[in-house]
Amino acid sequence: MDAQKLKAKRSERRRHRVRKALYGTPAMPRLSVFRSSLHIYAQLVDDLNGVTLAAATSAGKASGLKHGGNKAAATVVGKKLAEAAKAKGITKAAFDRGQYRFHGRVEALAVAATEAGLVCTNLESLKAKHAAKPAEEAKPAKAEKPKGESKKKPEADKK
């Protein structure tokens, strides 16, 4: 099978595996994220009625962003979505990461939305996870030999 078709099948499997546990209601909609190479899109979906309640994107002139494919843009989109949700009286959402890992732009969007008032992730566990990473990185590296030394014996010892 074609490599691109296999990649699409795997991503579809991941998407379905993540989404089978989530269901959006009017009180607690599903926060669905789509990430492309240039932009990031997020929407609050009420699966019970099949309606999108609020949406935000990094695309278009209305976003006010120069480039939409970075963490800064994801943060702005998360804040905009939280403001739109507040206007509709929504305070909680079930975060649907789709086929993407909870990392980078997807994580930045979720954290920004939660900090702006739309609770969709646990910030305490994220802070603990990020606090643990520097401790792992602080492990001492292997001692390297100076560049001038080699395994060969000096010629003075040969005489």
N, C-alpha and C. Protein backbone atom coordinates (compact mmCIF):
# COMPACT_ATOMS: atom_id res chain seq x y z
N MET A 1 0.84 -1.18 0.00
CA MET A 1 0.00 0.00 0.00
C MET A 1 0.89 1.25 0.00
N ASP A 2 0.38 2.30 -0.55
CA ASP A 2 1.09 3.57 -0.63
C ASP A 2 1.41 4.11 0.76
N ALA A 3 2.58 4.68 0.94
CA ALA A 3 3.00 5.20 2.25
C ALA A 3 2.07 6.29 2.76
N GLN A 4 1.60 7.15 1.86
CA GLN A 4 0.68 8.22 2.28
C GLN A 4 -0.66 7.65 2.75
N LYS A 5 -1.13 6.60 2.10
CA LYS A 5 -2.39 5.98 2.50
C LYS A 5 -2.25 5.32 3.87
N LEU A 6 -1.09 4.68 4.12
CA LEU A 6 -0.85 4.08 5.43
C LEU A 6 -0.82 5.14 6.52
N LYS A 7 -0.17 6.26 6.23
CA LYS A 7 -0.08 7.35 7.19
C LYS A 7 -1.48 7.90 7.51
N ALA A 8 -2.32 8.04 6.49
CA ALA A 8 -3.68 8.53 6.69
C ALA A 8 -4.52 7.54 7.50
N LYS A 9 -4.33 6.25 7.24
CA LYS A 9 -5.07 5.23 7.99
C LYS A 9 -4.68 5.25 9.47
N ARG A 10 -3.37 5.37 9.73
CA ARG A 10 -2.90 5.41 11.12
C ARG A 10 -3.44 6.63 11.85
N SER A 11 -3.43 7.78 11.18
CA SER A 11 -3.93 9.00 11.83
C SER A 11 -5.43 8.90 12.07
N GLU A 12 -6.16 8.26 11.15
CA GLU A 12 -7.60 8.08 11.33
C GLU A 12 -7.87 7.17 12.53
N ARG A 13 -7.07 6.10 12.67
CA ARG A 13 -7.20 5.20 13.82
C ARG A 13 -6.97 5.95 15.13
N ARG A 14 -5.91 6.77 15.16
CA ARG A 14 -5.63 7.55 16.38
C ARG A 14 -6.78 8.49 16.69
N ARG A 15 -7.29 9.17 15.67
CA ARG A 15 -8.39 10.12 15.85
C ARG A 15 -9.61 9.43 16.45
N HIS A 16 -9.98 8.28 15.90
CA HIS A 16 -11.14 7.55 16.41
C HIS A 16 -10.90 7.02 17.82
N ARG A 17 -9.69 6.58 18.11
CA ARG A 17 -9.37 6.06 19.45
C ARG A 17 -9.52 7.17 20.50
N VAL A 18 -9.09 8.39 20.15
CA VAL A 18 -9.18 9.50 21.09
C VAL A 18 -10.64 9.95 21.24
N ARG A 19 -11.34 10.03 20.13
CA ARG A 19 -12.69 10.61 20.15
C ARG A 19 -13.77 9.67 20.66
N LYS A 20 -13.51 8.37 20.71
CA LYS A 20 -14.57 7.47 21.15
C LYS A 20 -14.92 7.68 22.63
N ALA A 21 -14.01 8.24 23.39
CA ALA A 21 -14.25 8.47 24.82
C ALA A 21 -14.84 9.85 25.09
N LEU A 22 -14.90 10.72 24.08
CA LEU A 22 -15.37 12.09 24.28
C LEU A 22 -16.72 12.30 23.62
N TYR A 23 -17.57 13.08 24.29
CA TYR A 23 -18.87 13.42 23.71
C TYR A 23 -19.25 14.80 24.21
N GLY A 24 -19.51 15.70 23.29
CA GLY A 24 -19.84 17.07 23.66
C GLY A 24 -21.32 17.25 23.93
N THR A 25 -21.61 17.95 25.02
CA THR A 25 -22.99 18.29 25.38
C THR A 25 -23.09 19.81 25.42
N PRO A 26 -24.30 20.36 25.48
CA PRO A 26 -24.40 21.82 25.57
C PRO A 26 -23.72 22.40 26.82
N ALA A 27 -23.73 21.66 27.92
CA ALA A 27 -23.11 22.14 29.15
C ALA A 27 -21.59 22.00 29.11
N MET A 28 -21.11 20.91 28.50
CA MET A 28 -19.67 20.66 28.41
C MET A 28 -19.34 20.19 26.99
N PRO A 29 -19.13 21.14 26.08
CA PRO A 29 -18.87 20.77 24.68
C PRO A 29 -17.46 20.19 24.49
N ARG A 30 -17.26 19.62 23.33
CA ARG A 30 -15.97 19.04 22.96
C ARG A 30 -15.14 20.12 22.29
N LEU A 31 -13.92 20.37 22.80
CA LEU A 31 -13.02 21.34 22.19
C LEU A 31 -12.17 20.58 21.18
N SER A 32 -12.51 20.71 19.92
CA SER A 32 -11.83 19.99 18.85
C SER A 32 -10.74 20.85 18.24
N VAL A 33 -9.57 20.26 18.02
CA VAL A 33 -8.41 20.99 17.49
C VAL A 33 -8.01 20.39 16.15
N PHE A 34 -7.74 21.26 15.17
CA PHE A 34 -7.16 20.84 13.91
C PHE A 34 -5.91 21.68 13.69
N ARG A 35 -4.83 21.01 13.33
CA ARG A 35 -3.55 21.67 13.16
C ARG A 35 -3.04 21.41 11.75
N SER A 36 -2.78 22.47 11.02
CA SER A 36 -2.14 22.32 9.71
C SER A 36 -0.73 22.89 9.83
N SER A 37 0.02 22.84 8.75
CA SER A 37 1.38 23.35 8.83
C SER A 37 1.40 24.87 8.93
N LEU A 38 0.37 25.54 8.43
CA LEU A 38 0.34 27.00 8.45
C LEU A 38 -0.55 27.61 9.52
N HIS A 39 -1.58 26.89 9.97
CA HIS A 39 -2.55 27.46 10.91
C HIS A 39 -3.01 26.44 11.93
N ILE A 40 -3.76 26.93 12.91
CA ILE A 40 -4.38 26.06 13.91
C ILE A 40 -5.83 26.53 14.08
N TYR A 41 -6.73 25.57 14.19
CA TYR A 41 -8.15 25.84 14.28
C TYR A 41 -8.70 25.13 15.51
N ALA A 42 -9.65 25.76 16.21
CA ALA A 42 -10.28 25.13 17.36
C ALA A 42 -11.76 25.49 17.37
N GLN A 43 -12.58 24.53 17.80
CA GLN A 43 -14.01 24.82 17.89
C GLN A 43 -14.63 24.04 19.03
N LEU A 44 -15.68 24.60 19.59
CA LEU A 44 -16.45 23.94 20.63
C LEU A 44 -17.66 23.31 19.97
N VAL A 45 -17.78 21.97 20.09
CA VAL A 45 -18.82 21.25 19.38
C VAL A 45 -19.78 20.60 20.37
N ASP A 46 -21.08 20.81 20.13
CA ASP A 46 -22.14 20.13 20.87
C ASP A 46 -22.56 18.93 20.02
N ASP A 47 -22.08 17.74 20.39
CA ASP A 47 -22.36 16.53 19.61
C ASP A 47 -23.81 16.08 19.76
N LEU A 48 -24.44 16.45 20.85
CA LEU A 48 -25.82 16.06 21.10
C LEU A 48 -26.74 16.65 20.03
N ASN A 49 -26.54 17.92 19.69
CA ASN A 49 -27.35 18.61 18.70
C ASN A 49 -26.65 18.77 17.35
N GLY A 50 -25.37 18.40 17.28
CA GLY A 50 -24.61 18.52 16.04
C GLY A 50 -24.36 19.96 15.64
N VAL A 51 -23.97 20.80 16.62
CA VAL A 51 -23.81 22.24 16.40
C VAL A 51 -22.45 22.69 16.90
N THR A 52 -21.84 23.61 16.15
CA THR A 52 -20.61 24.26 16.62
C THR A 52 -21.02 25.49 17.42
N LEU A 53 -20.61 25.55 18.68
CA LEU A 53 -21.01 26.64 19.56
C LEU A 53 -20.10 27.86 19.44
N ALA A 54 -18.81 27.63 19.27
CA ALA A 54 -17.84 28.73 19.13
C ALA A 54 -16.63 28.20 18.38
N ALA A 55 -15.93 29.11 17.70
CA ALA A 55 -14.75 28.71 16.95
C ALA A 55 -13.72 29.83 16.95
N ALA A 56 -12.46 29.45 16.78
CA ALA A 56 -11.37 30.43 16.66
C ALA A 56 -10.31 29.83 15.76
N THR A 57 -9.62 30.70 15.02
CA THR A 57 -8.61 30.24 14.09
C THR A 57 -7.48 31.25 13.96
N SER A 58 -6.35 30.77 13.49
CA SER A 58 -5.22 31.67 13.25
C SER A 58 -5.22 32.14 11.80
N ALA A 59 -6.14 31.63 10.98
CA ALA A 59 -6.20 31.99 9.56
C ALA A 59 -7.04 33.26 9.37
N GLY A 60 -6.76 33.98 8.32
CA GLY A 60 -7.55 35.15 7.98
C GLY A 60 -7.02 36.43 8.58
N LYS A 61 -7.47 37.54 8.04
CA LYS A 61 -7.02 38.85 8.51
C LYS A 61 -7.59 39.19 9.88
N ALA A 62 -8.74 38.64 10.20
CA ALA A 62 -9.38 38.95 11.48
C ALA A 62 -8.57 38.42 12.67
N SER A 63 -7.72 37.42 12.43
CA SER A 63 -6.95 36.86 13.54
C SER A 63 -5.87 37.82 14.02
N GLY A 64 -5.38 38.66 13.13
CA GLY A 64 -4.35 39.62 13.49
C GLY A 64 -2.98 39.00 13.68
N LEU A 65 -2.79 37.81 13.15
CA LEU A 65 -1.51 37.11 13.30
C LEU A 65 -0.75 37.11 11.99
N LYS A 66 0.55 37.28 12.08
CA LYS A 66 1.39 37.27 10.88
C LYS A 66 1.61 35.83 10.42
N HIS A 67 1.86 34.93 11.39
CA HIS A 67 2.10 33.53 11.07
C HIS A 67 1.29 32.67 12.04
N GLY A 68 0.55 31.70 11.55
CA GLY A 68 -0.33 30.91 12.40
C GLY A 68 0.19 29.54 12.75
N GLY A 69 1.38 29.17 12.33
CA GLY A 69 1.89 27.84 12.57
C GLY A 69 2.89 27.75 13.70
N ASN A 70 2.68 28.50 14.78
CA ASN A 70 3.61 28.44 15.91
C ASN A 70 2.86 28.46 17.24
N LYS A 71 3.60 28.31 18.34
CA LYS A 71 2.98 28.26 19.66
C LYS A 71 2.32 29.58 20.04
N ALA A 72 2.90 30.69 19.62
CA ALA A 72 2.32 31.99 19.93
C ALA A 72 0.93 32.13 19.31
N ALA A 73 0.78 31.67 18.10
CA ALA A 73 -0.52 31.72 17.43
C ALA A 73 -1.52 30.79 18.13
N ALA A 74 -1.06 29.63 18.56
CA ALA A 74 -1.93 28.69 19.26
C ALA A 74 -2.41 29.28 20.58
N THR A 75 -1.54 30.01 21.25
CA THR A 75 -1.92 30.66 22.50
C THR A 75 -2.99 31.72 22.26
N VAL A 76 -2.84 32.50 21.21
CA VAL A 76 -3.83 33.53 20.87
C VAL A 76 -5.17 32.89 20.53
N VAL A 77 -5.14 31.81 19.76
CA VAL A 77 -6.37 31.11 19.38
C VAL A 77 -7.06 30.54 20.62
N GLY A 78 -6.30 29.97 21.55
CA GLY A 78 -6.87 29.44 22.79
C GLY A 78 -7.55 30.53 23.61
N LYS A 79 -6.93 31.69 23.69
CA LYS A 79 -7.53 32.80 24.44
C LYS A 79 -8.80 33.31 23.76
N LYS A 80 -8.77 33.42 22.43
CA LYS A 80 -9.96 33.87 21.69
C LYS A 80 -11.12 32.90 21.87
N LEU A 81 -10.82 31.62 21.82
CA LEU A 81 -11.87 30.61 21.98
C LEU A 81 -12.46 30.67 23.38
N ALA A 82 -11.63 30.87 24.39
CA ALA A 82 -12.11 30.97 25.77
C ALA A 82 -13.01 32.19 25.95
N GLU A 83 -12.65 33.31 25.31
CA GLU A 83 -13.49 34.51 25.39
C GLU A 83 -14.84 34.28 24.73
N ALA A 84 -14.84 33.60 23.58
CA ALA A 84 -16.09 33.30 22.89
C ALA A 84 -16.95 32.35 23.72
N ALA A 85 -16.30 31.41 24.40
CA ALA A 85 -17.04 30.47 25.25
C ALA A 85 -17.64 31.17 26.46
N LYS A 86 -16.88 32.07 27.05
CA LYS A 86 -17.39 32.84 28.20
C LYS A 86 -18.63 33.64 27.80
N ALA A 87 -18.60 34.22 26.61
CA ALA A 87 -19.74 35.01 26.13
C ALA A 87 -20.99 34.14 25.99
N LYS A 88 -20.82 32.85 25.73
CA LYS A 88 -21.96 31.93 25.61
C LYS A 88 -22.27 31.22 26.92
N GLY A 89 -21.50 31.51 27.97
CA GLY A 89 -21.75 30.91 29.29
C GLY A 89 -21.15 29.52 29.46
N ILE A 90 -20.14 29.19 28.69
CA ILE A 90 -19.50 27.88 28.78
C ILE A 90 -18.21 28.02 29.59
N THR A 91 -18.06 27.18 30.62
CA THR A 91 -16.87 27.26 31.47
C THR A 91 -16.01 26.00 31.40
N LYS A 92 -16.58 24.87 30.95
CA LYS A 92 -15.84 23.62 30.88
C LYS A 92 -15.95 23.02 29.50
N ALA A 93 -14.91 22.31 29.08
CA ALA A 93 -14.92 21.62 27.80
C ALA A 93 -14.10 20.34 27.89
N ALA A 94 -14.48 19.36 27.09
CA ALA A 94 -13.72 18.12 26.98
C ALA A 94 -12.72 18.31 25.85
N PHE A 95 -11.43 18.23 26.15
CA PHE A 95 -10.41 18.51 25.15
C PHE A 95 -10.22 17.32 24.21
N ASP A 96 -10.41 17.57 22.92
CA ASP A 96 -10.26 16.56 21.88
C ASP A 96 -9.03 16.91 21.06
N ARG A 97 -7.93 16.22 21.32
CA ARG A 97 -6.69 16.51 20.63
C ARG A 97 -6.65 15.88 19.24
N GLY A 98 -7.62 15.04 18.92
CA GLY A 98 -7.67 14.41 17.61
C GLY A 98 -6.52 13.43 17.43
N GLN A 99 -5.84 13.50 16.30
CA GLN A 99 -4.74 12.60 16.01
C GLN A 99 -3.40 13.11 16.49
N TYR A 100 -3.40 14.30 17.10
CA TYR A 100 -2.14 14.96 17.46
C TYR A 100 -1.75 14.64 18.89
N ARG A 101 -0.45 14.63 19.16
CA ARG A 101 0.04 14.46 20.53
C ARG A 101 -0.26 15.72 21.32
N PHE A 102 -0.42 15.56 22.63
CA PHE A 102 -0.63 16.72 23.51
C PHE A 102 0.74 17.32 23.78
N HIS A 103 1.19 18.09 22.80
CA HIS A 103 2.57 18.58 22.82
C HIS A 103 2.64 19.78 21.89
N GLY A 104 3.49 20.73 22.17
CA GLY A 104 3.71 21.85 21.26
C GLY A 104 2.51 22.76 21.12
N ARG A 105 2.07 22.97 19.88
CA ARG A 105 0.98 23.90 19.60
C ARG A 105 -0.34 23.46 20.22
N VAL A 106 -0.60 22.15 20.22
CA VAL A 106 -1.85 21.64 20.77
C VAL A 106 -1.88 21.88 22.28
N GLU A 107 -0.79 21.62 22.94
CA GLU A 107 -0.70 21.86 24.38
C GLU A 107 -0.80 23.35 24.68
N ALA A 108 -0.15 24.19 23.89
CA ALA A 108 -0.19 25.64 24.11
C ALA A 108 -1.62 26.17 23.99
N LEU A 109 -2.38 25.66 23.05
CA LEU A 109 -3.78 26.08 22.88
C LEU A 109 -4.59 25.69 24.11
N ALA A 110 -4.44 24.45 24.58
CA ALA A 110 -5.19 23.97 25.74
C ALA A 110 -4.85 24.76 27.00
N VAL A 111 -3.58 25.02 27.21
CA VAL A 111 -3.15 25.77 28.40
C VAL A 111 -3.67 27.20 28.35
N ALA A 112 -3.59 27.85 27.19
CA ALA A 112 -4.07 29.22 27.06
C ALA A 112 -5.57 29.31 27.28
N ALA A 113 -6.31 28.35 26.75
CA ALA A 113 -7.77 28.34 26.95
C ALA A 113 -8.12 28.15 28.42
N THR A 114 -7.39 27.26 29.10
CA THR A 114 -7.65 27.01 30.52
C THR A 114 -7.31 28.23 31.36
N GLU A 115 -6.18 28.88 31.05
CA GLU A 115 -5.80 30.08 31.80
C GLU A 115 -6.76 31.24 31.56
N ALA A 116 -7.40 31.26 30.39
CA ALA A 116 -8.35 32.33 30.07
C ALA A 116 -9.75 32.06 30.59
N GLY A 117 -9.97 30.90 31.22
CA GLY A 117 -11.26 30.64 31.85
C GLY A 117 -12.05 29.47 31.32
N LEU A 118 -11.61 28.82 30.26
CA LEU A 118 -12.31 27.65 29.72
C LEU A 118 -11.54 26.42 30.18
N VAL A 119 -12.02 25.76 31.21
CA VAL A 119 -11.31 24.63 31.81
C VAL A 119 -11.40 23.42 30.89
N CYS A 120 -10.25 23.04 30.32
CA CYS A 120 -10.23 21.87 29.43
C CYS A 120 -9.03 20.97 29.72
N THR A 121 -8.17 21.36 30.64
CA THR A 121 -7.03 20.53 31.01
C THR A 121 -6.63 20.83 32.45
N ASN A 122 -5.84 19.96 33.03
CA ASN A 122 -5.40 20.11 34.41
C ASN A 122 -4.02 20.80 34.42
N LEU A 123 -4.00 22.05 34.82
CA LEU A 123 -2.74 22.80 34.78
C LEU A 123 -1.73 22.32 35.81
N GLU A 124 -2.20 21.81 36.96
CA GLU A 124 -1.27 21.36 38.00
C GLU A 124 -0.42 20.19 37.50
N SER A 125 -1.05 19.24 36.82
CA SER A 125 -0.29 18.08 36.34
C SER A 125 0.70 18.50 35.24
N LEU A 126 0.31 19.49 34.41
CA LEU A 126 1.22 19.98 33.37
C LEU A 126 2.43 20.68 33.98
N LYS A 127 2.19 21.48 35.02
CA LYS A 127 3.30 22.18 35.67
C LYS A 127 4.24 21.18 36.33
N ALA A 128 3.68 20.12 36.93
CA ALA A 128 4.52 19.09 37.55
C ALA A 128 5.34 18.36 36.50
N LYS A 129 4.72 18.10 35.34
CA LYS A 129 5.43 17.40 34.26
C LYS A 129 6.59 18.25 33.75
N HIS A 130 6.34 19.54 33.56
CA HIS A 130 7.39 20.42 33.05
C HIS A 130 8.46 20.70 34.10
N ALA A 131 8.10 20.65 35.38
CA ALA A 131 9.08 20.85 36.44
C ALA A 131 10.01 19.64 36.55
N ALA A 132 9.51 18.45 36.23
CA ALA A 132 10.30 17.23 36.32
C ALA A 132 11.32 17.13 35.18
N LYS A 133 11.03 17.73 34.03
CA LYS A 133 11.93 17.63 32.88
C LYS A 133 13.31 18.25 33.13
N PRO A 134 13.44 19.45 33.69
CA PRO A 134 14.79 20.01 33.91
C PRO A 134 15.63 19.13 34.83
N ALA A 135 15.03 18.43 35.79
CA ALA A 135 15.79 17.55 36.67
C ALA A 135 16.40 16.40 35.88
N GLU A 136 15.66 15.90 34.89
CA GLU A 136 16.19 14.82 34.06
C GLU A 136 17.32 15.32 33.17
N GLU A 137 17.17 16.55 32.65
CA GLU A 137 18.18 17.11 31.77
C GLU A 137 19.46 17.50 32.50
N ALA A 138 19.38 17.65 33.83
CA ALA A 138 20.53 18.08 34.61
C ALA A 138 21.48 16.93 34.95
N LYS A 139 21.20 15.73 34.44
CA LYS A 139 22.08 14.59 34.70
C LYS A 139 23.46 14.89 34.13
N PRO A 140 24.51 14.49 34.84
CA PRO A 140 25.85 14.77 34.32
C PRO A 140 26.13 13.99 33.04
N ALA A 141 26.73 14.67 32.11
CA ALA A 141 27.07 14.04 30.83
C ALA A 141 28.33 13.21 31.01
N LYS A 142 28.60 12.31 30.07
CA LYS A 142 29.80 11.48 30.14
C LYS A 142 31.02 12.37 30.02
N ALA A 143 32.03 12.04 30.81
CA ALA A 143 33.26 12.82 30.76
C ALA A 143 33.99 12.53 29.45
N GLU A 144 34.33 13.57 28.74
CA GLU A 144 35.03 13.40 27.47
C GLU A 144 36.51 13.67 27.67
N LYS A 145 37.32 12.96 26.89
CA LYS A 145 38.76 13.15 26.95
C LYS A 145 39.11 14.44 26.22
N PRO A 146 40.15 15.11 26.69
CA PRO A 146 40.61 16.29 25.94
C PRO A 146 41.05 15.87 24.54
N LYS A 147 40.90 16.75 23.58
CA LYS A 147 41.18 16.42 22.19
C LYS A 147 42.64 16.06 21.93
N GLY A 148 43.56 16.58 22.72
CA GLY A 148 44.98 16.35 22.48
C GLY A 148 45.43 14.94 22.85
N GLU A 149 44.71 14.28 23.75
CA GLU A 149 45.12 12.95 24.20
C GLU A 149 44.64 11.88 23.24
N SER A 150 45.44 10.83 23.11
CA SER A 150 45.05 9.70 22.28
C SER A 150 45.43 8.42 23.01
N LYS A 151 45.01 7.30 22.46
CA LYS A 151 45.29 6.01 23.09
C LYS A 151 46.73 5.56 22.84
N LYS A 152 47.39 6.08 21.85
CA LYS A 152 48.76 5.72 21.52
C LYS A 152 49.72 6.23 22.60
N LYS A 153 50.75 5.43 22.86
CA LYS A 153 51.75 5.84 23.84
C LYS A 153 52.66 6.89 23.23
N PRO A 154 53.14 7.80 24.03
CA PRO A 154 54.07 8.79 23.50
C PRO A 154 55.35 8.12 22.99
N GLU A 155 56.01 8.72 22.04
CA GLU A 155 57.20 8.13 21.44
C GLU A 155 58.37 8.08 22.42
N ALA A 156 58.37 8.87 23.44
CA ALA A 156 59.46 8.87 24.40
C ALA A 156 59.51 7.56 25.17
N ASP A 157 58.32 6.94 25.37
CA ASP A 157 58.28 5.66 26.10
C ASP A 157 58.80 4.50 25.28
N LYS A 158 58.81 4.60 23.96
CA LYS A 158 59.25 3.52 23.11
C LYS A 158 60.76 3.29 23.20
N LYS A 159 61.58 4.28 23.51
CA LYS A 159 63.05 4.13 23.57
C LYS A 159 63.52 3.44 24.78
